[in-house]
Amino acid sequence: MNGDSMDKFISEHMYQKEIEVYLGEKDVFSGKVIACADGVLTLSKNDKLTFINIGMIKCLWEKK
């Protein structure tokens, strides 16, 4: 999946949901999706923002 497709997928299916994002090794980030544009995913957790390069994402899933 290229970056544009991932932007679209996250924006349409994960917006405002709590997710976990796996980048490889021990790099797992979690938070609420508040934005996804221009190749950057923005998560919010505990009043802090995390900005993730979409090209680095191996997989992501909704937290239950």
PDB file of N, CA and C in Angstrom:
ATOM      1  N   MET A   1       0.860  -1.171   0.000  1.00  0.00           N
ATOM      2  CA  MET A   1       0.000   0.000   0.000  1.00  0.00           C
ATOM      3  C   MET A   1       0.903   1.229   0.000  1.00  0.00           C
ATOM      4  N   ASN A   2       0.688   2.147  -0.940  1.00  0.00           N
ATOM      5  CA  ASN A   2       1.525   3.343  -0.965  1.00  0.00           C
ATOM      6  C   ASN A   2       1.020   4.369   0.056  1.00  0.00           C
ATOM      7  N   GLY A   3       1.776   5.424   0.258  1.00  0.00           N
ATOM      8  CA  GLY A   3       1.454   6.432   1.265  1.00  0.00           C
ATOM      9  C   GLY A   3       0.105   7.085   1.058  1.00  0.00           C
ATOM     10  N   ASP A   4      -0.239   7.381  -0.204  1.00  0.00           N
ATOM     11  CA  ASP A   4      -1.528   8.010  -0.478  1.00  0.00           C
ATOM     12  C   ASP A   4      -2.680   7.082  -0.114  1.00  0.00           C
ATOM     13  N   SER A   5      -2.532   5.803  -0.417  1.00  0.00           N
ATOM     14  CA  SER A   5      -3.576   4.833  -0.080  1.00  0.00           C
ATOM     15  C   SER A   5      -3.711   4.697   1.431  1.00  0.00           C
ATOM     16  N   MET A   6      -2.580   4.683   2.134  1.00  0.00           N
ATOM     17  CA  MET A   6      -2.616   4.562   3.592  1.00  0.00           C
ATOM     18  C   MET A   6      -3.255   5.804   4.207  1.00  0.00           C
ATOM     19  N   ASP A   7      -2.896   7.002   3.712  1.00  0.00           N
ATOM     20  CA  ASP A   7      -3.550   8.239   4.174  1.00  0.00           C
ATOM     21  C   ASP A   7      -5.063   8.101   4.071  1.00  0.00           C
ATOM     22  N   LYS A   8      -5.516   7.674   2.911  1.00  0.00           N
ATOM     23  CA  LYS A   8      -6.946   7.558   2.641  1.00  0.00           C
ATOM     24  C   LYS A   8      -7.588   6.511   3.544  1.00  0.00           C
ATOM     25  N   PHE A   9      -6.941   5.354   3.677  1.00  0.00           N
ATOM     26  CA  PHE A   9      -7.482   4.289   4.526  1.00  0.00           C
ATOM     27  C   PHE A   9      -7.642   4.771   5.968  1.00  0.00           C
ATOM     28  N   ILE A  10      -6.595   5.375   6.514  1.00  0.00           N
ATOM     29  CA  ILE A  10      -6.652   5.836   7.900  1.00  0.00           C
ATOM     30  C   ILE A  10      -7.717   6.921   8.055  1.00  0.00           C
ATOM     31  N   SER A  11      -7.755   7.873   7.135  1.00  0.00           N
ATOM     32  CA  SER A  11      -8.728   8.961   7.209  1.00  0.00           C
ATOM     33  C   SER A  11     -10.169   8.450   7.144  1.00  0.00           C
ATOM     34  N   GLU A  12     -10.407   7.438   6.322  1.00  0.00           N
ATOM     35  CA  GLU A  12     -11.769   6.938   6.128  1.00  0.00           C
ATOM     36  C   GLU A  12     -12.201   5.886   7.148  1.00  0.00           C
ATOM     37  N   HIS A  13     -11.246   5.104   7.679  1.00  0.00           N
ATOM     38  CA  HIS A  13     -11.624   3.981   8.541  1.00  0.00           C
ATOM     39  C   HIS A  13     -11.161   4.088   9.991  1.00  0.00           C
ATOM     40  N   MET A  14     -10.174   4.908  10.271  1.00  0.00           N
ATOM     41  CA  MET A  14      -9.615   4.950  11.622  1.00  0.00           C
ATOM     42  C   MET A  14      -9.750   6.310  12.319  1.00  0.00           C
ATOM     43  N   TYR A  15     -10.242   7.309  11.618  1.00  0.00           N
ATOM     44  CA  TYR A  15     -10.333   8.662  12.179  1.00  0.00           C
ATOM     45  C   TYR A  15     -11.143   8.656  13.477  1.00  0.00           C
ATOM     46  N   GLN A  16     -10.592   9.279  14.510  1.00  0.00           N
ATOM     47  CA  GLN A  16     -11.183   9.416  15.841  1.00  0.00           C
ATOM     48  C   GLN A  16     -11.259   8.090  16.612  1.00  0.00           C
ATOM     49  N   LYS A  17     -10.559   7.067  16.157  1.00  0.00           N
ATOM     50  CA  LYS A  17     -10.523   5.791  16.869  1.00  0.00           C
ATOM     51  C   LYS A  17      -9.203   5.653  17.610  1.00  0.00           C
ATOM     52  N   GLU A  18      -9.223   4.878  18.674  1.00  0.00           N
ATOM     53  CA  GLU A  18      -8.012   4.542  19.420  1.00  0.00           C
ATOM     54  C   GLU A  18      -7.330   3.392  18.676  1.00  0.00           C
ATOM     55  N   ILE A  19      -6.064   3.592  18.310  1.00  0.00           N
ATOM     56  CA  ILE A  19      -5.342   2.565  17.556  1.00  0.00           C
ATOM     57  C   ILE A  19      -3.954   2.334  18.154  1.00  0.00           C
ATOM     58  N   GLU A  20      -3.331   1.259  17.700  1.00  0.00           N
ATOM     59  CA  GLU A  20      -1.921   0.996  17.951  1.00  0.00           C
ATOM     60  C   GLU A  20      -1.251   0.881  16.594  1.00  0.00           C
ATOM     61  N   VAL A  21      -0.049   1.406  16.511  1.00  0.00           N
ATOM     62  CA  VAL A  21       0.692   1.435  15.250  1.00  0.00           C
ATOM     63  C   VAL A  21       2.033   0.748  15.472  1.00  0.00           C
ATOM     64  N   TYR A  22       2.333  -0.257  14.635  1.00  0.00           N
ATOM     65  CA  TYR A  22       3.579  -1.010  14.734  1.00  0.00           C
ATOM     66  C   TYR A  22       4.515  -0.561  13.621  1.00  0.00           C
ATOM     67  N   LEU A  23       5.721  -0.141  14.015  1.00  0.00           N
ATOM     68  CA  LEU A  23       6.713   0.314  13.050  1.00  0.00           C
ATOM     69  C   LEU A  23       7.859  -0.685  12.883  1.00  0.00           C
ATOM     70  N   GLY A  24       7.881  -1.709  13.696  1.00  0.00           N
ATOM     71  CA  GLY A  24       8.959  -2.689  13.641  1.00  0.00           C
ATOM     72  C   GLY A  24       9.702  -2.740  14.958  1.00  0.00           C
ATOM     73  N   GLU A  25      10.408  -3.851  15.167  1.00  0.00           N
ATOM     74  CA  GLU A  25      11.159  -4.055  16.404  1.00  0.00           C
ATOM     75  C   GLU A  25      10.247  -3.833  17.612  1.00  0.00           C
ATOM     76  N   LYS A  26      10.612  -2.880  18.471  1.00  0.00           N
ATOM     77  CA  LYS A  26       9.820  -2.592  19.674  1.00  0.00           C
ATOM     78  C   LYS A  26       9.059  -1.284  19.546  1.00  0.00           C
ATOM     79  N   ASP A  27       8.993  -0.751  18.332  1.00  0.00           N
ATOM     80  CA  ASP A  27       8.339   0.543  18.115  1.00  0.00           C
ATOM     81  C   ASP A  27       6.842   0.375  17.894  1.00  0.00           C
ATOM     82  N   VAL A  28       6.074   0.562  18.976  1.00  0.00           N
ATOM     83  CA  VAL A  28       4.615   0.522  18.914  1.00  0.00           C
ATOM     84  C   VAL A  28       4.103   1.795  19.581  1.00  0.00           C
ATOM     85  N   PHE A  29       3.264   2.516  18.865  1.00  0.00           N
ATOM     86  CA  PHE A  29       2.686   3.753  19.372  1.00  0.00           C
ATOM     87  C   PHE A  29       1.175   3.590  19.448  1.00  0.00           C
ATOM     88  N   SER A  30       0.549   4.273  20.395  1.00  0.00           N
ATOM     89  CA  SER A  30      -0.900   4.186  20.506  1.00  0.00           C
ATOM     90  C   SER A  30      -1.471   5.566  20.779  1.00  0.00           C
ATOM     91  N   GLY A  31      -2.745   5.712  20.440  1.00  0.00           N
ATOM     92  CA  GLY A  31      -3.441   6.963  20.690  1.00  0.00           C
ATOM     93  C   GLY A  31      -4.652   7.083  19.787  1.00  0.00           C
ATOM     94  N   LYS A  32      -5.310   8.211  19.893  1.00  0.00           N
ATOM     95  CA  LYS A  32      -6.494   8.497  19.096  1.00  0.00           C
ATOM     96  C   LYS A  32      -6.073   9.210  17.818  1.00  0.00           C
ATOM     97  N   VAL A  33      -6.565   8.728  16.685  1.00  0.00           N
ATOM     98  CA  VAL A  33      -6.246   9.353  15.404  1.00  0.00           C
ATOM     99  C   VAL A  33      -6.965  10.701  15.329  1.00  0.00           C
ATOM    100  N   ILE A  34      -6.178  11.777  15.231  1.00  0.00           N
ATOM    101  CA  ILE A  34      -6.797  13.104  15.115  1.00  0.00           C
ATOM    102  C   ILE A  34      -6.527  13.735  13.757  1.00  0.00           C
ATOM    103  N   ALA A  35      -5.573  13.176  12.999  1.00  0.00           N
ATOM    104  CA  ALA A  35      -5.298  13.688  11.661  1.00  0.00           C
ATOM    105  C   ALA A  35      -4.465  12.677  10.886  1.00  0.00           C
ATOM    106  N   CYS A  36      -4.613  12.744   9.567  1.00  0.00           N
ATOM    107  CA  CYS A  36      -3.796  11.920   8.684  1.00  0.00           C
ATOM    108  C   CYS A  36      -3.770  12.614   7.327  1.00  0.00           C
ATOM    109  N   ALA A  37      -2.645  13.242   7.018  1.00  0.00           N
ATOM    110  CA  ALA A  37      -2.520  13.983   5.765  1.00  0.00           C
ATOM    111  C   ALA A  37      -1.050  14.165   5.423  1.00  0.00           C
ATOM    112  N   ASP A  38      -0.780  14.308   4.134  1.00  0.00           N
ATOM    113  CA  ASP A  38       0.580  14.601   3.661  1.00  0.00           C
ATOM    114  C   ASP A  38       1.622  13.610   4.153  1.00  0.00           C
ATOM    115  N   GLY A  39       1.210  12.337   4.306  1.00  0.00           N
ATOM    116  CA  GLY A  39       2.159  11.304   4.715  1.00  0.00           C
ATOM    117  C   GLY A  39       2.464  11.260   6.193  1.00  0.00           C
ATOM    118  N   VAL A  40       1.653  11.961   7.001  1.00  0.00           N
ATOM    119  CA  VAL A  40       1.891  11.988   8.445  1.00  0.00           C
ATOM    120  C   VAL A  40       0.608  11.619   9.190  1.00  0.00           C
ATOM    121  N   LEU A  41       0.718  10.644  10.077  1.00  0.00           N
ATOM    122  CA  LEU A  41      -0.370  10.256  10.967  1.00  0.00           C
ATOM    123  C   LEU A  41      -0.156  10.960  12.295  1.00  0.00           C
ATOM    124  N   THR A  42      -1.198  11.594  12.818  1.00  0.00           N
ATOM    125  CA  THR A  42      -1.112  12.280  14.106  1.00  0.00           C
ATOM    126  C   THR A  42      -1.995  11.575  15.116  1.00  0.00           C
ATOM    127  N   LEU A  43      -1.368  11.130  16.210  1.00  0.00           N
ATOM    128  CA  LEU A  43      -2.079  10.489  17.305  1.00  0.00           C
ATOM    129  C   LEU A  43      -2.056  11.401  18.523  1.00  0.00           C
ATOM    130  N   SER A  44      -3.115  11.350  19.303  1.00  0.00           N
ATOM    131  CA  SER A  44      -3.188  12.103  20.553  1.00  0.00           C
ATOM    132  C   SER A  44      -3.375  11.128  21.704  1.00  0.00           C
ATOM    133  N   LYS A  45      -2.555  11.306  22.757  1.00  0.00           N
ATOM    134  CA  LYS A  45      -2.662  10.461  23.943  1.00  0.00           C
ATOM    135  C   LYS A  45      -2.152  11.253  25.140  1.00  0.00           C
ATOM    136  N   ASN A  46      -2.960  11.335  26.175  1.00  0.00           N
ATOM    137  CA  ASN A  46      -2.582  12.051  27.401  1.00  0.00           C
ATOM    138  C   ASN A  46      -2.136  13.484  27.105  1.00  0.00           C
ATOM    139  N   ASP A  47      -2.877  14.165  26.248  1.00  0.00           N
ATOM    140  CA  ASP A  47      -2.595  15.559  25.879  1.00  0.00           C
ATOM    141  C   ASP A  47      -1.246  15.749  25.186  1.00  0.00           C
ATOM    142  N   LYS A  48      -0.681  14.666  24.629  1.00  0.00           N
ATOM    143  CA  LYS A  48       0.551  14.753  23.851  1.00  0.00           C
ATOM    144  C   LYS A  48       0.273  14.259  22.450  1.00  0.00           C
ATOM    145  N   LEU A  49       0.938  14.865  21.480  1.00  0.00           N
ATOM    146  CA  LEU A  49       0.780  14.474  20.086  1.00  0.00           C
ATOM    147  C   LEU A  49       1.979  13.662  19.621  1.00  0.00           C
ATOM    148  N   THR A  50       1.705  12.638  18.835  1.00  0.00           N
ATOM    149  CA  THR A  50       2.751  11.840  18.198  1.00  0.00           C
ATOM    150  C   THR A  50       2.535  11.922  16.697  1.00  0.00           C
ATOM    151  N   PHE A  51       3.588  12.248  15.966  1.00  0.00           N
ATOM    152  CA  PHE A  51       3.529  12.368  14.516  1.00  0.00           C
ATOM    153  C   PHE A  51       4.327  11.211  13.920  1.00  0.00           C
ATOM    154  N   ILE A  52       3.671  10.421  13.074  1.00  0.00           N
ATOM    155  CA  ILE A  52       4.289   9.213  12.532  1.00  0.00           C
ATOM    156  C   ILE A  52       4.351   9.295  11.012  1.00  0.00           C
ATOM    157  N   ASN A  53       5.519   9.026  10.465  1.00  0.00           N
ATOM    158  CA  ASN A  53       5.701   8.960   9.022  1.00  0.00           C
ATOM    159  C   ASN A  53       4.970   7.715   8.520  1.00  0.00           C
ATOM    160  N   ILE A  54       3.956   7.910   7.691  1.00  0.00           N
ATOM    161  CA  ILE A  54       3.135   6.803   7.227  1.00  0.00           C
ATOM    162  C   ILE A  54       3.960   5.747   6.487  1.00  0.00           C
ATOM    163  N   GLY A  55       5.005   6.145   5.817  1.00  0.00           N
ATOM    164  CA  GLY A  55       5.852   5.203   5.101  1.00  0.00           C
ATOM    165  C   GLY A  55       6.559   4.206   6.004  1.00  0.00           C
ATOM    166  N   MET A  56       6.630   4.486   7.292  1.00  0.00           N
ATOM    167  CA  MET A  56       7.299   3.605   8.248  1.00  0.00           C
ATOM    168  C   MET A  56       6.361   2.573   8.871  1.00  0.00           C
ATOM    169  N   ILE A  57       5.049   2.716   8.665  1.00  0.00           N
ATOM    170  CA  ILE A  57       4.068   1.849   9.310  1.00  0.00           C
ATOM    171  C   ILE A  57       4.085   0.458   8.682  1.00  0.00           C
ATOM    172  N   LYS A  58       4.257  -0.552   9.529  1.00  0.00           N
ATOM    173  CA  LYS A  58       4.185  -1.953   9.095  1.00  0.00           C
ATOM    174  C   LYS A  58       2.741  -2.445   9.173  1.00  0.00           C
ATOM    175  N   CYS A  59       2.056  -2.110  10.285  1.00  0.00           N
ATOM    176  CA  CYS A  59       0.649  -2.452  10.445  1.00  0.00           C
ATOM    177  C   CYS A  59       0.059  -1.588  11.550  1.00  0.00           C
ATOM    178  N   LEU A  60      -1.261  -1.574  11.595  1.00  0.00           N
ATOM    179  CA  LEU A  60      -1.963  -0.862  12.666  1.00  0.00           C
ATOM    180  C   LEU A  60      -3.266  -1.584  12.937  1.00  0.00           C
ATOM    181  N   TRP A  61      -3.800  -1.369  14.152  1.00  0.00           N
ATOM    182  CA  TRP A  61      -5.045  -2.018  14.519  1.00  0.00           C
ATOM    183  C   TRP A  61      -5.788  -1.153  15.516  1.00  0.00           C
ATOM    184  N   GLU A  62      -7.099  -1.323  15.525  1.00  0.00           N
ATOM    185  CA  GLU A  62      -7.941  -0.599  16.467  1.00  0.00           C
ATOM    186  C   GLU A  62      -7.840  -1.266  17.829  1.00  0.00           C
ATOM    187  N   LYS A  63      -7.706  -0.440  18.865  1.00  0.00           N
ATOM    188  CA  LYS A  63      -7.666  -0.966  20.223  1.00  0.00           C
ATOM    189  C   LYS A  63      -9.087  -1.269  20.664  1.00  0.00           C
ATOM    190  N   LYS A  64      -9.263  -2.348  21.345  1.00  0.00           N
ATOM    191  CA  LYS A  64     -10.583  -2.744  21.869  1.00  0.00           C
ATOM    192  C   LYS A  64     -10.609  -2.634  23.362  1.00  0.00           C
TER     193      LYS A  64
END
